[in-house]
PDB file of all heavy atoms in Angstrom:
ATOM      1  N   ALA A   1     106.382 107.024  23.595  1.00  0.00           N
ATOM      2  CA  ALA A   1     105.788 108.255  23.034  1.00  0.00           C
ATOM      3  C   ALA A   1     106.719 109.452  23.152  1.00  0.00           C
ATOM      4  O   ALA A   1     106.931 110.176  22.181  1.00  0.00           O
ATOM      5  CB  ALA A   1     104.447 108.542  23.702  1.00  0.00           C
ATOM      6  N   SER A   2     107.292 109.663  24.326  1.00  0.00           N
ATOM      7  CA  SER A   2     108.152 110.839  24.500  1.00  0.00           C
ATOM      8  C   SER A   2     109.437 110.716  23.675  1.00  0.00           C
ATOM      9  O   SER A   2     109.940 111.709  23.155  1.00  0.00           O
ATOM     10  CB  SER A   2     108.488 111.053  25.978  1.00  0.00           C
ATOM     11  OG  SER A   2     109.238 109.965  26.473  1.00  0.00           O
ATOM     12  N   ILE A   3     109.950 109.504  23.530  1.00  0.00           N
ATOM     13  CA  ILE A   3     111.158 109.303  22.723  1.00  0.00           C
ATOM     14  C   ILE A   3     110.861 109.579  21.250  1.00  0.00           C
ATOM     15  O   ILE A   3     111.633 110.240  20.561  1.00  0.00           O
ATOM     16  CB  ILE A   3     111.705 107.873  22.902  1.00  0.00           C
ATOM     17  CG1 ILE A   3     112.153 107.661  24.354  1.00  0.00           C
ATOM     18  CG2 ILE A   3     112.858 107.598  21.950  1.00  0.00           C
ATOM     19  CD1 ILE A   3     112.498 106.228  24.689  1.00  0.00           C
ATOM     20  N   ILE A   4     109.733 109.084  20.767  1.00  0.00           N
ATOM     21  CA  ILE A   4     109.346 109.307  19.374  1.00  0.00           C
ATOM     22  C   ILE A   4     109.094 110.791  19.122  1.00  0.00           C
ATOM     23  O   ILE A   4     109.548 111.346  18.121  1.00  0.00           O
ATOM     24  CB  ILE A   4     108.125 108.441  18.997  1.00  0.00           C
ATOM     25  CG1 ILE A   4     108.557 106.967  18.921  1.00  0.00           C
ATOM     26  CG2 ILE A   4     107.505 108.903  17.683  1.00  0.00           C
ATOM     27  CD1 ILE A   4     107.419 105.985  18.716  1.00  0.00           C
ATOM     28  N   ASP A   5     108.388 111.438  20.054  1.00  0.00           N
ATOM     29  CA  ASP A   5     108.145 112.879  19.905  1.00  0.00           C
ATOM     30  C   ASP A   5     109.456 113.655  19.875  1.00  0.00           C
ATOM     31  O   ASP A   5     109.641 114.554  19.049  1.00  0.00           O
ATOM     32  CB  ASP A   5     107.257 113.395  21.038  1.00  0.00           C
ATOM     33  CG  ASP A   5     105.818 112.943  20.916  1.00  0.00           C
ATOM     34  OD1 ASP A   5     105.408 112.518  19.819  1.00  0.00           O
ATOM     35  OD2 ASP A   5     105.095 113.012  21.930  1.00  0.00           O
ATOM     36  N   SER A   6     110.376 113.304  20.760  1.00  0.00           N
ATOM     37  CA  SER A   6     111.676 113.978  20.813  1.00  0.00           C
ATOM     38  C   SER A   6     112.458 113.745  19.531  1.00  0.00           C
ATOM     39  O   SER A   6     113.104 114.664  19.011  1.00  0.00           O
ATOM     40  CB  SER A   6     112.470 113.466  22.015  1.00  0.00           C
ATOM     41  OG  SER A   6     113.794 113.927  21.969  1.00  0.00           O
ATOM     42  N   ALA A   7     112.409 112.534  19.011  1.00  0.00           N
ATOM     43  CA  ALA A   7     113.120 112.232  17.770  1.00  0.00           C
ATOM     44  C   ALA A   7     112.623 113.124  16.638  1.00  0.00           C
ATOM     45  O   ALA A   7     113.412 113.700  15.892  1.00  0.00           O
ATOM     46  CB  ALA A   7     112.936 110.759  17.405  1.00  0.00           C
ATOM     47  N   GLU A   8     111.300 113.230  16.524  1.00  0.00           N
ATOM     48  CA  GLU A   8     110.706 114.026  15.440  1.00  0.00           C
ATOM     49  C   GLU A   8     110.958 115.515  15.623  1.00  0.00           C
ATOM     50  O   GLU A   8     111.417 116.185  14.705  1.00  0.00           O
ATOM     51  CB  GLU A   8     109.192 113.770  15.376  1.00  0.00           C
ATOM     52  CG  GLU A   8     108.819 112.402  14.862  1.00  0.00           C
ATOM     53  CD  GLU A   8     108.512 112.385  13.382  1.00  0.00           C
ATOM     54  OE1 GLU A   8     108.215 113.448  12.814  1.00  0.00           O
ATOM     55  OE2 GLU A   8     108.546 111.293  12.799  1.00  0.00           O
ATOM     56  N   LYS A   9     110.666 116.038  16.810  1.00  0.00           N
ATOM     57  CA  LYS A   9     110.675 117.494  17.011  1.00  0.00           C
ATOM     58  C   LYS A   9     112.057 118.054  17.308  1.00  0.00           C
ATOM     59  O   LYS A   9     112.436 119.086  16.781  1.00  0.00           O
ATOM     60  CB  LYS A   9     109.713 117.855  18.139  1.00  0.00           C
ATOM     61  CG  LYS A   9     108.262 117.659  17.760  1.00  0.00           C
ATOM     62  CD  LYS A   9     107.340 118.147  18.865  1.00  0.00           C
ATOM     63  CE  LYS A   9     105.908 118.084  18.434  1.00  0.00           C
ATOM     64  NZ  LYS A   9     105.240 116.869  18.756  1.00  0.00           N
ATOM     65  N   GLU A  10     112.809 117.395  18.177  1.00  0.00           N
ATOM     66  CA  GLU A  10     114.082 117.951  18.622  1.00  0.00           C
ATOM     67  C   GLU A  10     115.265 117.504  17.778  1.00  0.00           C
ATOM     68  O   GLU A  10     116.234 118.232  17.617  1.00  0.00           O
ATOM     69  CB  GLU A  10     114.324 117.587  20.087  1.00  0.00           C
ATOM     70  CG  GLU A  10     113.284 118.194  21.010  1.00  0.00           C
ATOM     71  CD  GLU A  10     113.334 117.622  22.418  1.00  0.00           C
ATOM     72  OE1 GLU A  10     114.380 117.059  22.801  1.00  0.00           O
ATOM     73  OE2 GLU A  10     112.323 117.736  23.124  1.00  0.00           O
ATOM     74  N   ARG A  11     115.202 116.302  17.228  1.00  0.00           N
ATOM     75  CA  ARG A  11     116.337 115.778  16.472  1.00  0.00           C
ATOM     76  C   ARG A  11     116.088 115.740  14.970  1.00  0.00           C
ATOM     77  O   ARG A  11     116.956 115.369  14.210  1.00  0.00           O
ATOM     78  CB  ARG A  11     116.687 114.368  16.949  1.00  0.00           C
ATOM     79  CG  ARG A  11     117.143 114.327  18.388  1.00  0.00           C
ATOM     80  CD  ARG A  11     117.403 112.891  18.784  1.00  0.00           C
ATOM     81  NE  ARG A  11     117.743 112.765  20.171  1.00  0.00           N
ATOM     82  CZ  ARG A  11     118.884 112.284  20.618  1.00  0.00           C
ATOM     83  NH1 ARG A  11     119.802 111.890  19.773  1.00  0.00           N
ATOM     84  NH2 ARG A  11     119.109 112.189  21.901  1.00  0.00           N
ATOM     85  N   ASN A  12     114.870 116.073  14.564  1.00  0.00           N
ATOM     86  CA  ASN A  12     114.491 116.064  13.147  1.00  0.00           C
ATOM     87  C   ASN A  12     114.710 114.690  12.500  1.00  0.00           C
ATOM     88  O   ASN A  12     115.170 114.586  11.377  1.00  0.00           O
ATOM     89  CB  ASN A  12     115.233 117.150  12.377  1.00  0.00           C
ATOM     90  CG  ASN A  12     114.541 117.484  11.076  1.00  0.00           C
ATOM     91  OD1 ASN A  12     113.327 117.352  10.954  1.00  0.00           O
ATOM     92  ND2 ASN A  12     115.305 117.900  10.096  1.00  0.00           N
ATOM     93  N   VAL A  13     114.381 113.643  13.255  1.00  0.00           N
ATOM     94  CA  VAL A  13     114.480 112.269  12.769  1.00  0.00           C
ATOM     95  C   VAL A  13     113.082 111.825  12.372  1.00  0.00           C
ATOM     96  O   VAL A  13     112.145 111.878  13.180  1.00  0.00           O
ATOM     97  CB  VAL A  13     115.044 111.327  13.858  1.00  0.00           C
ATOM     98  CG1 VAL A  13     114.957 109.865  13.420  1.00  0.00           C
ATOM     99  CG2 VAL A  13     116.481 111.699  14.188  1.00  0.00           C
ATOM    100  N   ARG A  14     112.924 111.407  11.144  1.00  0.00           N
ATOM    101  CA  ARG A  14     111.618 110.924  10.653  1.00  0.00           C
ATOM    102  C   ARG A  14     111.374 109.533  11.221  1.00  0.00           C
ATOM    103  O   ARG A  14     112.203 108.640  11.059  1.00  0.00           O
ATOM    104  CB  ARG A  14     111.622 110.893   9.130  1.00  0.00           C
ATOM    105  CG  ARG A  14     110.313 110.472   8.537  1.00  0.00           C
ATOM    106  CD  ARG A  14     109.267 111.544   8.802  1.00  0.00           C
ATOM    107  NE  ARG A  14     108.076 111.217   8.067  1.00  0.00           N
ATOM    108  CZ  ARG A  14     106.878 111.147   8.613  1.00  0.00           C
ATOM    109  NH1 ARG A  14     106.723 111.398   9.889  1.00  0.00           N
ATOM    110  NH2 ARG A  14     105.840 110.867   7.881  1.00  0.00           N
ATOM    111  N   VAL A  15     110.258 109.345  11.904  1.00  0.00           N
ATOM    112  CA  VAL A  15     109.921 108.067  12.528  1.00  0.00           C
ATOM    113  C   VAL A  15     108.817 107.383  11.722  1.00  0.00           C
ATOM    114  O   VAL A  15     107.767 107.970  11.479  1.00  0.00           O
ATOM    115  CB  VAL A  15     109.472 108.246  13.993  1.00  0.00           C
ATOM    116  CG1 VAL A  15     109.088 106.909  14.604  1.00  0.00           C
ATOM    117  CG2 VAL A  15     110.566 108.924  14.816  1.00  0.00           C
ATOM    118  N   ILE A  16     109.094 106.156  11.317  1.00  0.00           N
ATOM    119  CA  ILE A  16     108.119 105.362  10.571  1.00  0.00           C
ATOM    120  C   ILE A  16     107.751 104.171  11.434  1.00  0.00           C
ATOM    121  O   ILE A  16     108.606 103.342  11.752  1.00  0.00           O
ATOM    122  CB  ILE A  16     108.690 104.868   9.217  1.00  0.00           C
ATOM    123  CG1 ILE A  16     109.070 106.054   8.327  1.00  0.00           C
ATOM    124  CG2 ILE A  16     107.695 103.971   8.505  1.00  0.00           C
ATOM    125  CD1 ILE A  16     110.517 106.353   8.332  1.00  0.00           C
ATOM    126  N   CYS A  17     106.493 104.123  11.863  1.00  0.00           N
ATOM    127  CA  CYS A  17     106.017 103.002  12.671  1.00  0.00           C
ATOM    128  C   CYS A  17     105.431 101.948  11.731  1.00  0.00           C
ATOM    129  O   CYS A  17     104.617 102.264  10.875  1.00  0.00           O
ATOM    130  CB  CYS A  17     104.952 103.459  13.663  1.00  0.00           C
ATOM    131  SG  CYS A  17     105.599 104.576  14.929  1.00  0.00           S
ATOM    132  N   VAL A  18     105.876 100.708  11.895  1.00  0.00           N
ATOM    133  CA  VAL A  18     105.380  99.621  11.065  1.00  0.00           C
ATOM    134  C   VAL A  18     104.632  98.627  11.934  1.00  0.00           C
ATOM    135  O   VAL A  18     104.946  98.444  13.095  1.00  0.00           O
ATOM    136  CB  VAL A  18     106.515  98.917  10.282  1.00  0.00           C
ATOM    137  CG1 VAL A  18     107.109  99.840   9.251  1.00  0.00           C
ATOM    138  CG2 VAL A  18     107.591  98.391  11.200  1.00  0.00           C
ATOM    139  N   VAL A  19     103.638  98.017  11.369  1.00  0.00           N
ATOM    140  CA  VAL A  19     102.778  97.012  11.992  1.00  0.00           C
ATOM    141  C   VAL A  19     101.780  97.658  12.936  1.00  0.00           C
ATOM    142  O   VAL A  19     100.598  97.398  12.878  1.00  0.00           O
ATOM    143  CB  VAL A  19     103.568  95.897  12.706  1.00  0.00           C
ATOM    144  CG1 VAL A  19     102.640  94.863  13.286  1.00  0.00           C
ATOM    145  CG2 VAL A  19     104.586  95.278  11.789  1.00  0.00           C
ATOM    146  N   THR A  20     102.253  98.545  13.802  1.00  0.00           N
ATOM    147  CA  THR A  20     101.388  99.258  14.735  1.00  0.00           C
ATOM    148  C   THR A  20     101.936 100.668  14.889  1.00  0.00           C
ATOM    149  O   THR A  20     103.068 100.937  14.514  1.00  0.00           O
ATOM    150  CB  THR A  20     101.310  98.543  16.104  1.00  0.00           C
ATOM    151  OG1 THR A  20     100.369  99.209  16.933  1.00  0.00           O
ATOM    152  CG2 THR A  20     102.663  98.518  16.788  1.00  0.00           C
ATOM    153  N   ASP A  21     101.153 101.559  15.449  1.00  0.00           N
ATOM    154  CA  ASP A  21     101.601 102.933  15.642  1.00  0.00           C
ATOM    155  C   ASP A  21     101.660 103.226  17.130  1.00  0.00           C
ATOM    156  O   ASP A  21     101.110 102.491  17.942  1.00  0.00           O
ATOM    157  CB  ASP A  21     100.650 103.909  14.952  1.00  0.00           C
ATOM    158  CG  ASP A  21     101.265 105.293  14.764  1.00  0.00           C
ATOM    159  OD1 ASP A  21     102.451 105.474  15.115  1.00  0.00           O
ATOM    160  OD2 ASP A  21     100.566 106.188  14.275  1.00  0.00           O
ATOM    161  N   ASP A  22     102.320 104.297  17.482  1.00  0.00           N
ATOM    162  CA  ASP A  22     102.336 104.764  18.861  1.00  0.00           C
ATOM    163  C   ASP A  22     101.282 105.858  18.962  1.00  0.00           C
ATOM    164  O   ASP A  22     101.532 107.009  18.673  1.00  0.00           O
ATOM    165  CB  ASP A  22     103.716 105.292  19.237  1.00  0.00           C
ATOM    166  CG  ASP A  22     103.826 105.594  20.722  1.00  0.00           C
ATOM    167  OD1 ASP A  22     102.773 105.829  21.364  1.00  0.00           O
ATOM    168  OD2 ASP A  22     104.947 105.584  21.236  1.00  0.00           O
ATOM    169  N   SER A  23     100.093 105.462  19.361  1.00  0.00           N
ATOM    170  CA  SER A  23      98.969 106.402  19.396  1.00  0.00           C
ATOM    171  C   SER A  23      99.144 107.469  20.458  1.00  0.00           C
ATOM    172  O   SER A  23      98.428 108.469  20.453  1.00  0.00           O
ATOM    173  CB  SER A  23      97.663 105.636  19.636  1.00  0.00           C
ATOM    174  OG  SER A  23      97.751 104.930  20.867  1.00  0.00           O
ATOM    175  N   LEU A  24     100.084 107.320  21.364  1.00  0.00           N
ATOM    176  CA  LEU A  24     100.311 108.309  22.408  1.00  0.00           C
ATOM    177  C   LEU A  24     101.282 109.402  21.982  1.00  0.00           C
ATOM    178  O   LEU A  24     101.376 110.436  22.633  1.00  0.00           O
ATOM    179  CB  LEU A  24     100.820 107.622  23.682  1.00  0.00           C
ATOM    180  CG  LEU A  24      99.881 106.579  24.275  1.00  0.00           C
ATOM    181  CD1 LEU A  24     100.540 105.883  25.459  1.00  0.00           C
ATOM    182  CD2 LEU A  24      98.561 107.211  24.683  1.00  0.00           C
ATOM    183  N   SER A  25     102.028 109.182  20.909  1.00  0.00           N
ATOM    184  CA  SER A  25     102.965 110.222  20.460  1.00  0.00           C
ATOM    185  C   SER A  25     102.176 111.330  19.772  1.00  0.00           C
ATOM    186  O   SER A  25     101.055 111.125  19.332  1.00  0.00           O
ATOM    187  CB  SER A  25     104.025 109.646  19.513  1.00  0.00           C
ATOM    188  OG  SER A  25     103.476 109.449  18.239  1.00  0.00           O
ATOM    189  N   ARG A  26     102.799 112.477  19.692  1.00  0.00           N
ATOM    190  CA  ARG A  26     102.118 113.637  19.100  1.00  0.00           C
ATOM    191  C   ARG A  26     102.604 113.932  17.684  1.00  0.00           C
ATOM    192  O   ARG A  26     102.333 114.976  17.138  1.00  0.00           O
ATOM    193  CB  ARG A  26     102.343 114.863  19.979  1.00  0.00           C
ATOM    194  CG  ARG A  26     101.655 114.739  21.314  1.00  0.00           C
ATOM    195  CD  ARG A  26     101.734 116.069  22.063  1.00  0.00           C
ATOM    196  NE  ARG A  26     100.841 116.083  23.178  1.00  0.00           N
ATOM    197  CZ  ARG A  26     101.192 115.739  24.409  1.00  0.00           C
ATOM    198  NH1 ARG A  26     102.409 115.336  24.649  1.00  0.00           N
ATOM    199  NH2 ARG A  26     100.320 115.792  25.397  1.00  0.00           N
ATOM    200  N   ARG A  27     103.358 113.010  17.100  1.00  0.00           N
ATOM    201  CA  ARG A  27     103.904 113.259  15.769  1.00  0.00           C
ATOM    202  C   ARG A  27     102.781 113.232  14.747  1.00  0.00           C
ATOM    203  O   ARG A  27     101.793 112.542  14.901  1.00  0.00           O
ATOM    204  CB  ARG A  27     104.988 112.247  15.418  1.00  0.00           C
ATOM    205  CG  ARG A  27     104.472 110.855  15.230  1.00  0.00           C
ATOM    206  CD  ARG A  27     105.619 109.870  15.056  1.00  0.00           C
ATOM    207  NE  ARG A  27     105.094 108.553  14.851  1.00  0.00           N
ATOM    208  CZ  ARG A  27     104.635 108.090  13.697  1.00  0.00           C
ATOM    209  NH1 ARG A  27     104.696 108.844  12.630  1.00  0.00           N
ATOM    210  NH2 ARG A  27     104.154 106.884  13.585  1.00  0.00           N
ATOM    211  N   PRO A  28     102.962 113.982  13.660  1.00  0.00           N
ATOM    212  CA  PRO A  28     101.930 113.979  12.595  1.00  0.00           C
ATOM    213  C   PRO A  28     101.939 112.638  11.892  1.00  0.00           C
ATOM    214  O   PRO A  28     102.970 112.007  11.706  1.00  0.00           O
ATOM    215  CB  PRO A  28     102.385 115.098  11.668  1.00  0.00           C
ATOM    216  CG  PRO A  28     103.828 115.287  11.943  1.00  0.00           C
ATOM    217  CD  PRO A  28     104.054 114.888  13.369  1.00  0.00           C
TER     218      PRO A  28
END
């Protein structure tokens, strides 16, 4: 979760979760 959040917010990397999602991340 924290890695995905950091990727989206701090690095501006679009994260696409396939098959399942990370429900703990705060990304939109």
